[in-house]
Amino acid sequence: MSSASELADRLARDAEAVCKHYLSVGRRAGDYWIVGDVANSKGRSLFVRLTGSRAGKWSDAATGQYGDLLDLVREACGLADFRDVADEARLFLTEPQPIPASSRRGDAHTAPPVDRPADERARRLFRITEPLSGSLADSYLRQRGILRAALHQALRFHPSCYYRDLVTGRTSTFPALIAAVTDPSGVITGVHRTWLDPQGKGKAQVADPRRALGRLLGNAVRFCFPFHGPVPVIVAGEGLESILSLARVLPGMPMVSALTANHLAAFRLPDGCRRLYIAADADAAGRHGIEGLSRRAQALGTLPLVLAPELGDFNEDLRRLGPERLIANLKAQLAPEDALAFLPA
């Protein structure tokens, strides 16, 4: 059986053919293949090196994702287990590859795109998850001060989620908290994974224990969110745990976690939104997200208001200062009618 590094090397030998197959809406520009994202969307955010010693290496400037062609196959197909990723790569490598590679499936301008819808790739992973209640992921969130997280339908648990180190190529599995990313109508377009220590000691001891998969731009993980009718008031922020901390003390208020500052700036506001509370993170990237989303909200006639934590983020406030102090801080920042409607009496 081929190792992960061997499969990645074999794919890299014909990197352009791999790109034409899995990223068919993109195009070649010099030594790179350029496309919108790993979901095969139109755009210029993702670059795949086609030649030289770094052939097959790719990165997405919008999401921060990067890796080799085996990672690209995994992300493009929405695969969770390494065995499935390896099987997909081997299937591709056994297909006839006439030279030039661009002719393998016909002319690049007329060949139909590969039928791998982004929403189905995301749902494929979400379908094999388990309920959050009583799971290791539920316990992890409780340790972070986040109670009753199992009430949120967007959160699930995977007992053995595939993980691959993007530097060494080593593969393993860990339990994981899985969060569904949805569009404004509630359709799953992506997932966010937080890999956990099997012994219950927080996040897994890996290089990057949090990764997103799928089509994220404009979408978000949603809590207490009505998918039909106007949403007059909403809280939007970056981090999953920060937003879940706010959800604990503001029960019933619609909230979204956009996962990164770039995606926060690009979040699509729901119809009928009059007031937008932006949950701040105390860093430069967080300010970028706040400024970008604020400008877009104002252009749509929505009033943007910033909710500021006392410490680094709202989960730190919840854990170190306690829920009563967090409620008092929020009460001073919310519009009176929102404080009355959503804060505990």
Foldseek 3Di string as FASTA:
>chain_A
DDALVRLLVLCLVQVVLLCCQLQLVWDDDVQWTAAQDLCNHHDGQKIAGNDDPRRQWMAGNLFGDIAGSLVSQCQSQLDWDVVVSVVVSVVVSPQDQDPPNCPSQHHSVPRDHDPRHLLVSAVVVVVQFAQPPPDLVQLLLVVLVQHPPSVWPQKTKDAWTWDAARPPRDIGTAIWIKGFKAALQRRGFKIKIAGPDNVSPHGDPGDDRIDIGGDQAQIFRKGLDDSDDFQAEEEEEADPSLQSLVCRFFPNHIYTHSNFLSNLLRHDHGPNHAEYEYFAFPDPSRVSSLVSNCVVCVVVNHHYFYQYDPDGGNSCCCVPVNSVVSLVSVCVRDDVVSNVVGGDD
